[in-house]
């Protein structure tokens, strides 16, 4: 994939489920990567508690990637807290972009 950069922008963003807001400088491109996840994910047996509001409630369905953040911002967003539903499956990490109901 060839990456074509269009411009540099200051982006302000806010969580859809909490009061968290921040900004970052970003390179803008028409496409970052292919739709993610690359294969369907069956979450029927994950038993995600109803009080958990996901920052991306359809993370298991393939869709366009809107923003790719670097590791430094990811770790700034990361809170204390992990939930493991089933051994061998991904665990849920609490981020500032999400919050329990």
PDB file of N, CA and C in Angstrom:
ATOM      1  N   UNK A   1       0.841  -1.167   0.000  1.00  0.00           N
ATOM      2  CA  UNK A   1       0.000   0.000   0.000  1.00  0.00           C
ATOM      3  C   UNK A   1       0.894   1.240   0.000  1.00  0.00           C
ATOM      4  N   UNK A   2       0.603   2.189  -0.869  1.00  0.00           N
ATOM      5  CA  UNK A   2       1.316   3.454  -0.905  1.00  0.00           C
ATOM      6  C   UNK A   2       0.544   4.456  -0.064  1.00  0.00           C
ATOM      7  N   UNK A   3       1.227   5.138   0.830  1.00  0.00           N
ATOM      8  CA  UNK A   3       0.581   6.099   1.711  1.00  0.00           C
ATOM      9  C   UNK A   3       0.768   7.493   1.148  1.00  0.00           C
ATOM     10  N   UNK A   4      -0.339   8.173   0.841  1.00  0.00           N
ATOM     11  CA  UNK A   4      -0.277   9.534   0.340  1.00  0.00           C
ATOM     12  C   UNK A   4      -0.710  10.473   1.465  1.00  0.00           C
ATOM     13  N   UNK A   5       0.182  11.347   1.889  1.00  0.00           N
ATOM     14  CA  UNK A   5      -0.129  12.296   2.952  1.00  0.00           C
ATOM     15  C   UNK A   5      -0.635  13.586   2.335  1.00  0.00           C
ATOM     16  N   UNK A   6      -1.740  14.089   2.863  1.00  0.00           N
ATOM     17  CA  UNK A   6      -2.349  15.280   2.303  1.00  0.00           C
ATOM     18  C   UNK A   6      -1.982  16.542   3.066  1.00  0.00           C
ATOM     19  N   UNK A   7      -2.011  16.498   4.387  1.00  0.00           N
ATOM     20  CA  UNK A   7      -1.705  17.680   5.179  1.00  0.00           C
ATOM     21  C   UNK A   7      -1.487  17.309   6.635  1.00  0.00           C
ATOM     22  N   UNK A   8      -1.068  18.292   7.389  1.00  0.00           N
ATOM     23  CA  UNK A   8      -0.845  18.146   8.825  1.00  0.00           C
ATOM     24  C   UNK A   8      -1.941  18.936   9.530  1.00  0.00           C
ATOM     25  N   UNK A   9      -2.615  18.313  10.505  1.00  0.00           N
ATOM     26  CA  UNK A   9      -3.733  18.974  11.182  1.00  0.00           C
ATOM     27  C   UNK A   9      -3.644  18.797  12.690  1.00  0.00           C
ATOM     28  N   UNK A  10      -4.217  19.745  13.403  1.00  0.00           N
ATOM     29  CA  UNK A  10      -4.435  19.590  14.836  1.00  0.00           C
ATOM     30  C   UNK A  10      -5.841  19.023  15.003  1.00  0.00           C
ATOM     31  N   UNK A  11      -5.943  17.842  15.587  1.00  0.00           N
ATOM     32  CA  UNK A  11      -7.238  17.189  15.798  1.00  0.00           C
ATOM     33  C   UNK A  11      -7.629  17.282  17.263  1.00  0.00           C
ATOM     34  N   UNK A  12      -8.850  17.671  17.507  1.00  0.00           N
ATOM     35  CA  UNK A  12      -9.412  17.636  18.856  1.00  0.00           C
ATOM     36  C   UNK A  12     -10.440  16.523  18.861  1.00  0.00           C
ATOM     37  N   UNK A  13     -10.407  15.702  19.896  1.00  0.00           N
ATOM     38  CA  UNK A  13     -11.352  14.599  19.964  1.00  0.00           C
ATOM     39  C   UNK A  13     -11.876  14.446  21.378  1.00  0.00           C
ATOM     40  N   UNK A  14     -13.064  13.834  21.462  1.00  0.00           N
ATOM     41  CA  UNK A  14     -13.725  13.613  22.743  1.00  0.00           C
ATOM     42  C   UNK A  14     -14.311  12.220  22.746  1.00  0.00           C
ATOM     43  N   UNK A  15     -14.234  11.577  23.883  1.00  0.00           N
ATOM     44  CA  UNK A  15     -14.846  10.266  24.046  1.00  0.00           C
ATOM     45  C   UNK A  15     -16.351  10.369  23.834  1.00  0.00           C
ATOM     46  N   UNK A  16     -16.938   9.334  23.256  1.00  0.00           N
ATOM     47  CA  UNK A  16     -18.392   9.277  23.090  1.00  0.00           C
ATOM     48  C   UNK A  16     -19.085   8.792  24.357  1.00  0.00           C
ATOM     49  N   UNK A  17     -18.321   8.280  25.310  1.00  0.00           N
ATOM     50  CA  UNK A  17     -18.933   7.685  26.502  1.00  0.00           C
ATOM     51  C   UNK A  17     -18.424   8.270  27.819  1.00  0.00           C
ATOM     52  N   UNK A  18     -17.509   9.242  27.770  1.00  0.00           N
ATOM     53  CA  UNK A  18     -17.025   9.880  28.996  1.00  0.00           C
ATOM     54  C   UNK A  18     -16.709  11.338  28.685  1.00  0.00           C
ATOM     55  N   UNK A  19     -16.244  12.076  29.685  1.00  0.00           N
ATOM     56  CA  UNK A  19     -15.912  13.489  29.493  1.00  0.00           C
ATOM     57  C   UNK A  19     -14.500  13.705  28.975  1.00  0.00           C
ATOM     58  N   UNK A  20     -13.752  12.638  28.752  1.00  0.00           N
ATOM     59  CA  UNK A  20     -12.360  12.767  28.321  1.00  0.00           C
ATOM     60  C   UNK A  20     -12.277  13.444  26.956  1.00  0.00           C
ATOM     61  N   UNK A  21     -11.360  14.394  26.827  1.00  0.00           N
ATOM     62  CA  UNK A  21     -11.092  15.066  25.555  1.00  0.00           C
ATOM     63  C   UNK A  21      -9.604  15.372  25.490  1.00  0.00           C
ATOM     64  N   UNK A  22      -9.072  15.463  24.288  1.00  0.00           N
ATOM     65  CA  UNK A  22      -7.647  15.743  24.099  1.00  0.00           C
ATOM     66  C   UNK A  22      -7.449  16.231  22.670  1.00  0.00           C
ATOM     67  N   UNK A  23      -6.220  16.498  22.317  1.00  0.00           N
ATOM     68  CA  UNK A  23      -5.898  16.888  20.943  1.00  0.00           C
ATOM     69  C   UNK A  23      -4.563  16.273  20.566  1.00  0.00           C
ATOM     70  N   UNK A  24      -4.334  16.185  19.270  1.00  0.00           N
ATOM     71  CA  UNK A  24      -3.064  15.678  18.771  1.00  0.00           C
ATOM     72  C   UNK A  24      -2.821  16.232  17.380  1.00  0.00           C
ATOM     73  N   UNK A  25      -1.568  16.277  16.996  1.00  0.00           N
ATOM     74  CA  UNK A  25      -1.203  16.673  15.645  1.00  0.00           C
ATOM     75  C   UNK A  25      -1.127  15.411  14.805  1.00  0.00           C
ATOM     76  N   UNK A  26      -1.766  15.445  13.635  1.00  0.00           N
ATOM     77  CA  UNK A  26      -1.860  14.231  12.823  1.00  0.00           C
ATOM     78  C   UNK A  26      -1.534  14.512  11.365  1.00  0.00           C
ATOM     79  N   UNK A  27      -0.968  13.509  10.725  1.00  0.00           N
ATOM     80  CA  UNK A  27      -0.810  13.511   9.281  1.00  0.00           C
ATOM     81  C   UNK A  27      -2.096  12.948   8.698  1.00  0.00           C
ATOM     82  N   UNK A  28      -2.665  13.611   7.702  1.00  0.00           N
ATOM     83  CA  UNK A  28      -3.940  13.193   7.128  1.00  0.00           C
ATOM     84  C   UNK A  28      -3.694  12.464   5.820  1.00  0.00           C
ATOM     85  N   UNK A  29      -4.350  11.319   5.684  1.00  0.00           N
ATOM     86  CA  UNK A  29      -4.233  10.476   4.499  1.00  0.00           C
ATOM     87  C   UNK A  29      -5.617   9.928   4.170  1.00  0.00           C
ATOM     88  N   UNK A  30      -5.923   9.690   2.898  1.00  0.00           N
ATOM     89  CA  UNK A  30      -7.240   9.135   2.565  1.00  0.00           C
ATOM     90  C   UNK A  30      -7.464   7.748   3.170  1.00  0.00           C
ATOM     91  N   UNK A  31      -6.409   6.963   3.301  1.00  0.00           N
ATOM     92  CA  UNK A  31      -6.521   5.610   3.835  1.00  0.00           C
ATOM     93  C   UNK A  31      -5.318   5.325   4.716  1.00  0.00           C
ATOM     94  N   UNK A  32      -5.569   4.728   5.883  1.00  0.00           N
ATOM     95  CA  UNK A  32      -4.480   4.342   6.778  1.00  0.00           C
ATOM     96  C   UNK A  32      -4.096   2.893   6.521  1.00  0.00           C
ATOM     97  N   UNK A  33      -5.109   2.040   6.455  1.00  0.00           N
ATOM     98  CA  UNK A  33      -4.909   0.606   6.271  1.00  0.00           C
ATOM     99  C   UNK A  33      -6.205   0.012   5.746  1.00  0.00           C
ATOM    100  N   UNK A  34      -6.223  -1.274   5.505  1.00  0.00           N
ATOM    101  CA  UNK A  34      -7.463  -1.945   5.126  1.00  0.00           C
ATOM    102  C   UNK A  34      -8.410  -1.952   6.321  1.00  0.00           C
ATOM    103  N   UNK A  35      -9.668  -2.269   6.064  1.00  0.00           N
ATOM    104  CA  UNK A  35     -10.645  -2.376   7.152  1.00  0.00           C
ATOM    105  C   UNK A  35     -10.153  -3.370   8.193  1.00  0.00           C
ATOM    106  N   UNK A  36     -10.470  -3.076   9.448  1.00  0.00           N
ATOM    107  CA  UNK A  36     -10.058  -3.937  10.554  1.00  0.00           C
ATOM    108  C   UNK A  36     -11.264  -4.322  11.386  1.00  0.00           C
ATOM    109  N   UNK A  37     -11.319  -5.487  11.968  1.00  0.00           N
ATOM    110  CA  UNK A  37     -10.348  -6.572  11.850  1.00  0.00           C
ATOM    111  C   UNK A  37     -10.404  -7.217  10.468  1.00  0.00           C
ATOM    112  N   UNK A  38      -9.310  -7.839  10.092  1.00  0.00           N
ATOM    113  CA  UNK A  38      -9.196  -8.445   8.770  1.00  0.00           C
ATOM    114  C   UNK A  38     -10.069  -9.674   8.580  1.00  0.00           C
ATOM    115  N   UNK A  39     -10.446 -10.318   9.678  1.00  0.00           N
ATOM    116  CA  UNK A  39     -11.341 -11.478   9.621  1.00  0.00           C
ATOM    117  C   UNK A  39     -12.439 -11.266  10.659  1.00  0.00           C
ATOM    118  N   UNK A  40     -13.632 -11.833  10.441  1.00  0.00           N
ATOM    119  CA  UNK A  40     -14.711 -11.656  11.421  1.00  0.00           C
ATOM    120  C   UNK A  40     -14.328 -12.252  12.778  1.00  0.00           C
ATOM    121  N   UNK A  41     -14.772 -11.601  13.838  1.00  0.00           N
ATOM    122  CA  UNK A  41     -14.520 -12.077  15.200  1.00  0.00           C
ATOM    123  C   UNK A  41     -15.865 -12.426  15.827  1.00  0.00           C
ATOM    124  N   UNK A  42     -15.998 -13.648  16.299  1.00  0.00           N
ATOM    125  CA  UNK A  42     -17.225 -14.101  16.957  1.00  0.00           C
ATOM    126  C   UNK A  42     -17.097 -13.825  18.450  1.00  0.00           C
ATOM    127  N   UNK A  43     -17.907 -12.889  18.956  1.00  0.00           N
ATOM    128  CA  UNK A  43     -17.825 -12.513  20.373  1.00  0.00           C
ATOM    129  C   UNK A  43     -18.996 -13.061  21.188  1.00  0.00           C
ATOM    130  N   UNK A  44     -19.780 -13.983  20.626  1.00  0.00           N
ATOM    131  CA  UNK A  44     -20.962 -14.505  21.324  1.00  0.00           C
ATOM    132  C   UNK A  44     -20.628 -15.112  22.683  1.00  0.00           C
ATOM    133  N   UNK A  45     -19.475 -15.742  22.825  1.00  0.00           N
ATOM    134  CA  UNK A  45     -19.111 -16.391  24.088  1.00  0.00           C
ATOM    135  C   UNK A  45     -18.220 -15.525  24.976  1.00  0.00           C
ATOM    136  N   UNK A  46     -18.071 -14.261  24.654  1.00  0.00           N
ATOM    137  CA  UNK A  46     -17.186 -13.403  25.431  1.00  0.00           C
ATOM    138  C   UNK A  46     -17.830 -12.903  26.719  1.00  0.00           C
ATOM    139  N   UNK A  47     -19.129 -12.844  26.787  1.00  0.00           N
ATOM    140  CA  UNK A  47     -19.844 -12.404  27.993  1.00  0.00           C
ATOM    141  C   UNK A  47     -19.349 -11.052  28.504  1.00  0.00           C
ATOM    142  N   UNK A  48     -19.342 -10.069  27.633  1.00  0.00           N
ATOM    143  CA  UNK A  48     -18.945  -8.717  28.037  1.00  0.00           C
ATOM    144  C   UNK A  48     -20.035  -8.173  28.959  1.00  0.00           C
ATOM    145  N   UNK A  49     -19.674  -7.764  30.175  1.00  0.00           N
ATOM    146  CA  UNK A  49     -20.685  -7.278  31.124  1.00  0.00           C
ATOM    147  C   UNK A  49     -21.462  -6.092  30.548  1.00  0.00           C
ATOM    148  N   UNK A  50     -22.757  -6.018  30.808  1.00  0.00           N
ATOM    149  CA  UNK A  50     -23.576  -4.946  30.238  1.00  0.00           C
ATOM    150  C   UNK A  50     -23.196  -3.556  30.748  1.00  0.00           C
ATOM    151  N   UNK A  51     -22.475  -3.472  31.871  1.00  0.00           N
ATOM    152  CA  UNK A  51     -22.078  -2.156  32.383  1.00  0.00           C
ATOM    153  C   UNK A  51     -20.821  -1.609  31.700  1.00  0.00           C
ATOM    154  N   UNK A  52     -20.208  -2.383  30.805  1.00  0.00           N
ATOM    155  CA  UNK A  52     -19.014  -1.923  30.092  1.00  0.00           C
ATOM    156  C   UNK A  52     -19.437  -1.270  28.783  1.00  0.00           C
ATOM    157  N   UNK A  53     -19.097  -0.001  28.628  1.00  0.00           N
ATOM    158  CA  UNK A  53     -19.384   0.721  27.388  1.00  0.00           C
ATOM    159  C   UNK A  53     -18.098   0.778  26.583  1.00  0.00           C
ATOM    160  N   UNK A  54     -18.108   0.159  25.430  1.00  0.00           N
ATOM    161  CA  UNK A  54     -16.919   0.067  24.596  1.00  0.00           C
ATOM    162  C   UNK A  54     -16.690   1.379  23.848  1.00  0.00           C
ATOM    163  N   UNK A  55     -15.434   1.802  23.751  1.00  0.00           N
ATOM    164  CA  UNK A  55     -15.100   2.975  22.951  1.00  0.00           C
ATOM    165  C   UNK A  55     -15.487   2.732  21.492  1.00  0.00           C
ATOM    166  N   UNK A  56     -15.354   1.496  21.028  1.00  0.00           N
ATOM    167  CA  UNK A  56     -15.796   1.087  19.688  1.00  0.00           C
ATOM    168  C   UNK A  56     -16.727  -0.108  19.876  1.00  0.00           C
ATOM    169  N   UNK A  57     -18.045   0.131  19.956  1.00  0.00           N
ATOM    170  CA  UNK A  57     -18.965  -0.962  20.262  1.00  0.00           C
ATOM    171  C   UNK A  57     -19.056  -2.048  19.192  1.00  0.00           C
ATOM    172  N   UNK A  58     -18.563  -1.782  18.002  1.00  0.00           N
ATOM    173  CA  UNK A  58     -18.583  -2.803  16.936  1.00  0.00           C
ATOM    174  C   UNK A  58     -17.159  -3.187  16.532  1.00  0.00           C
ATOM    175  N   UNK A  59     -16.257  -3.254  17.514  1.00  0.00           N
ATOM    176  CA  UNK A  59     -14.851  -3.567  17.258  1.00  0.00           C
ATOM    177  C   UNK A  59     -14.665  -4.899  16.553  1.00  0.00           C
ATOM    178  N   UNK A  60     -15.607  -5.789  16.672  1.00  0.00           N
ATOM    179  CA  UNK A  60     -15.505  -7.140  16.114  1.00  0.00           C
ATOM    180  C   UNK A  60     -15.927  -7.204  14.646  1.00  0.00           C
ATOM    181  N   UNK A  61     -16.502  -6.122  14.102  1.00  0.00           N
ATOM    182  CA  UNK A  61     -16.915  -6.069  12.698  1.00  0.00           C
ATOM    183  C   UNK A  61     -15.896  -5.263  11.902  1.00  0.00           C
ATOM    184  N   UNK A  62     -15.603  -5.716  10.690  1.00  0.00           N
ATOM    185  CA  UNK A  62     -14.654  -4.996   9.839  1.00  0.00           C
ATOM    186  C   UNK A  62     -15.217  -3.616   9.495  1.00  0.00           C
ATOM    187  N   UNK A  63     -14.410  -2.597   9.726  1.00  0.00           N
ATOM    188  CA  UNK A  63     -14.772  -1.251   9.307  1.00  0.00           C
ATOM    189  C   UNK A  63     -13.513  -0.406   9.152  1.00  0.00           C
ATOM    190  N   UNK A  64     -13.710   0.743   8.551  1.00  0.00           N
ATOM    191  CA  UNK A  64     -12.612   1.640   8.217  1.00  0.00           C
ATOM    192  C   UNK A  64     -11.907   2.151   9.474  1.00  0.00           C
ATOM    193  N   UNK A  65     -10.602   2.258   9.409  1.00  0.00           N
ATOM    194  CA  UNK A  65      -9.814   2.824  10.506  1.00  0.00           C
ATOM    195  C   UNK A  65      -9.765   4.333  10.298  1.00  0.00           C
ATOM    196  N   UNK A  66     -10.251   5.087  11.287  1.00  0.00           N
ATOM    197  CA  UNK A  66     -10.299   6.543  11.176  1.00  0.00           C
ATOM    198  C   UNK A  66      -9.054   7.225  11.722  1.00  0.00           C
ATOM    199  N   UNK A  67      -8.446   6.619  12.744  1.00  0.00           N
ATOM    200  CA  UNK A  67      -7.316   7.259  13.402  1.00  0.00           C
ATOM    201  C   UNK A  67      -6.367   6.194  13.917  1.00  0.00           C
ATOM    202  N   UNK A  68      -5.112   6.362  13.631  1.00  0.00           N
ATOM    203  CA  UNK A  68      -4.077   5.464  14.133  1.00  0.00           C
ATOM    204  C   UNK A  68      -3.192   6.294  15.055  1.00  0.00           C
ATOM    205  N   UNK A  69      -3.220   5.970  16.344  1.00  0.00           N
ATOM    206  CA  UNK A  69      -2.427   6.743  17.304  1.00  0.00           C
ATOM    207  C   UNK A  69      -1.121   6.022  17.594  1.00  0.00           C
ATOM    208  N   UNK A  70      -0.147   6.772  18.016  1.00  0.00           N
ATOM    209  CA  UNK A  70       1.145   6.197  18.365  1.00  0.00           C
ATOM    210  C   UNK A  70       1.130   5.591  19.756  1.00  0.00           C
ATOM    211  N   UNK A  71       2.186   4.867  20.064  1.00  0.00           N
ATOM    212  CA  UNK A  71       2.285   4.180  21.350  1.00  0.00           C
ATOM    213  C   UNK A  71       2.267   5.162  22.517  1.00  0.00           C
ATOM    214  N   UNK A  72       2.884   6.320  22.366  1.00  0.00           N
ATOM    215  CA  UNK A  72       2.930   7.257  23.494  1.00  0.00           C
ATOM    216  C   UNK A  72       1.531   7.729  23.871  1.00  0.00           C
ATOM    217  N   UNK A  73       0.675   8.023  22.901  1.00  0.00           N
ATOM    218  CA  UNK A  73      -0.687   8.443  23.229  1.00  0.00           C
ATOM    219  C   UNK A  73      -1.494   7.254  23.750  1.00  0.00           C
ATOM    220  N   UNK A  74      -1.293   6.072  23.193  1.00  0.00           N
ATOM    221  CA  UNK A  74      -2.007   4.891  23.687  1.00  0.00           C
ATOM    222  C   UNK A  74      -1.754   4.710  25.177  1.00  0.00           C
ATOM    223  N   UNK A  75      -0.506   4.804  25.593  1.00  0.00           N
ATOM    224  CA  UNK A  75      -0.192   4.598  27.008  1.00  0.00           C
ATOM    225  C   UNK A  75      -0.693   5.751  27.872  1.00  0.00           C
ATOM    226  N   UNK A  76      -0.840   6.953  27.302  1.00  0.00           N
ATOM    227  CA  UNK A  76      -1.473   8.050  28.039  1.00  0.00           C
ATOM    228  C   UNK A  76      -2.958   7.772  28.258  1.00  0.00           C
ATOM    229  N   UNK A  77      -3.595   7.092  27.308  1.00  0.00           N
ATOM    230  CA  UNK A  77      -5.020   6.771  27.403  1.00  0.00           C
ATOM    231  C   UNK A  77      -5.302   5.569  28.302  1.00  0.00           C
ATOM    232  N   UNK A  78      -4.304   4.741  28.509  1.00  0.00           N
ATOM    233  CA  UNK A  78      -4.478   3.497  29.251  1.00  0.00           C
ATOM    234  C   UNK A  78      -4.675   3.769  30.738  1.00  0.00           C
ATOM    235  N   UNK A  79      -5.707   3.190  31.314  1.00  0.00           N
ATOM    236  CA  UNK A  79      -5.993   3.304  32.751  1.00  0.00           C
ATOM    237  C   UNK A  79      -5.631   1.990  33.429  1.00  0.00           C
ATOM    238  N   UNK A  80      -5.700   1.999  34.741  1.00  0.00           N
ATOM    239  CA  UNK A  80      -5.504   0.760  35.482  1.00  0.00           C
ATOM    240  C   UNK A  80      -6.796  -0.044  35.351  1.00  0.00           C
ATOM    241  N   UNK A  81      -6.671  -1.291  35.000  1.00  0.00           N
ATOM    242  CA  UNK A  81      -7.846  -2.152  34.923  1.00  0.00           C
ATOM    243  C   UNK A  81      -7.829  -3.042  33.701  1.00  0.00           C
ATOM    244  N   UNK A  82      -8.007  -4.308  33.936  1.00  0.00           N
ATOM    245  CA  UNK A  82      -8.090  -5.302  32.875  1.00  0.00           C
ATOM    246  C   UNK A  82      -9.205  -6.267  33.229  1.00  0.00           C
ATOM    247  N   UNK A  83      -9.909  -6.719  32.203  1.00  0.00           N
ATOM    248  CA  UNK A  83     -10.937  -7.736  32.402  1.00  0.00           C
ATOM    249  C   UNK A  83     -10.639  -8.873  31.441  1.00  0.00           C
ATOM    250  N   UNK A  84     -10.463 -10.076  31.983  1.00  0.00           N
ATOM    251  CA  UNK A  84     -10.263 -11.268  31.145  1.00  0.00           C
ATOM    252  C   UNK A  84     -11.543 -12.088  31.229  1.00  0.00           C
ATOM    253  N   UNK A  85     -12.205 -12.267  30.082  1.00  0.00           N
ATOM    254  CA  UNK A  85     -13.465 -13.004  30.045  1.00  0.00           C
ATOM    255  C   UNK A  85     -13.232 -14.506  30.005  1.00  0.00           C
ATOM    256  N   UNK A  86     -12.369 -14.923  29.105  1.00  0.00           N
ATOM    257  CA  UNK A  86     -12.097 -16.345  28.902  1.00  0.00           C
ATOM    258  C   UNK A  86     -10.600 -16.495  28.655  1.00  0.00           C
ATOM    259  N   UNK A  87      -9.921 -17.435  29.320  1.00  0.00           N
ATOM    260  CA  UNK A  87      -8.499 -17.645  29.039  1.00  0.00           C
ATOM    261  C   UNK A  87      -8.272 -17.914  27.551  1.00  0.00           C
ATOM    262  N   UNK A  88      -7.243 -17.317  27.012  1.00  0.00           N
ATOM    263  CA  UNK A  88      -6.911 -17.500  25.606  1.00  0.00           C
ATOM    264  C   UNK A  88      -7.549 -16.477  24.684  1.00  0.00           C
ATOM    265  N   UNK A  89      -8.507 -15.689  25.189  1.00  0.00           N
ATOM    266  CA  UNK A  89      -9.123 -14.636  24.385  1.00  0.00           C
ATOM    267  C   UNK A  89      -8.491 -13.300  24.758  1.00  0.00           C
ATOM    268  N   UNK A  90      -8.637 -12.290  23.899  1.00  0.00           N
ATOM    269  CA  UNK A  90      -8.099 -10.970  24.250  1.00  0.00           C
ATOM    270  C   UNK A  90      -8.720 -10.464  25.543  1.00  0.00           C
ATOM    271  N   UNK A  91      -7.968  -9.630  26.259  1.00  0.00           N
ATOM    272  CA  UNK A  91      -8.539  -9.042  27.457  1.00  0.00           C
ATOM    273  C   UNK A  91      -8.935  -7.608  27.190  1.00  0.00           C
ATOM    274  N   UNK A  92      -9.840  -7.130  27.994  1.00  0.00           N
ATOM    275  CA  UNK A  92     -10.365  -5.784  27.862  1.00  0.00           C
ATOM    276  C   UNK A  92      -9.508  -4.857  28.709  1.00  0.00           C
ATOM    277  N   UNK A  93      -9.005  -3.787  28.101  1.00  0.00           N
ATOM    278  CA  UNK A  93      -8.223  -2.782  28.813  1.00  0.00           C
ATOM    279  C   UNK A  93      -9.074  -1.534  28.965  1.00  0.00           C
ATOM    280  N   UNK A  94      -9.081  -0.952  30.136  1.00  0.00           N
ATOM    281  CA  UNK A  94      -9.834   0.267  30.372  1.00  0.00           C
ATOM    282  C   UNK A  94      -9.024   1.454  29.860  1.00  0.00           C
ATOM    283  N   UNK A  95      -9.650   2.258  28.992  1.00  0.00           N
ATOM    284  CA  UNK A  95      -9.022   3.458  28.447  1.00  0.00           C
ATOM    285  C   UNK A  95      -9.816   4.676  28.892  1.00  0.00           C
ATOM    286  N   UNK A  96      -9.206   5.835  28.824  1.00  0.00           N
ATOM    287  CA  UNK A  96      -9.904   7.073  29.160  1.00  0.00           C
ATOM    288  C   UNK A  96     -11.047   7.357  28.198  1.00  0.00           C
ATOM    289  N   UNK A  97     -11.073   6.710  27.038  1.00  0.00           N
ATOM    290  CA  UNK A  97     -12.132   6.927  26.059  1.00  0.00           C
ATOM    291  C   UNK A  97     -13.392   6.134  26.374  1.00  0.00           C
ATOM    292  N   UNK A  98     -13.352   5.273  27.373  1.00  0.00           N
ATOM    293  CA  UNK A  98     -14.523   4.476  27.733  1.00  0.00           C
ATOM    294  C   UNK A  98     -14.712   4.557  29.234  1.00  0.00           C
ATOM    295  N   UNK A  99     -15.857   4.166  29.698  1.00  0.00           N
ATOM    296  CA  UNK A  99     -16.121   4.186  31.127  1.00  0.00           C
ATOM    297  C   UNK A  99     -17.242   3.213  31.443  1.00  0.00           C
ATOM    298  N   UNK A 100     -17.227   2.583  32.613  1.00  0.00           N
ATOM    299  CA  UNK A 100     -18.381   1.766  32.989  1.00  0.00           C
ATOM    300  C   UNK A 100     -19.621   2.637  33.112  1.00  0.00           C
ATOM    301  N   UNK A 101     -20.792   2.081  32.847  1.00  0.00           N
ATOM    302  CA  UNK A 101     -22.056   2.831  32.970  1.00  0.00           C
ATOM    303  C   UNK A 101     -22.300   3.207  34.413  1.00  0.00           C
TER     304      UNK A 101
END
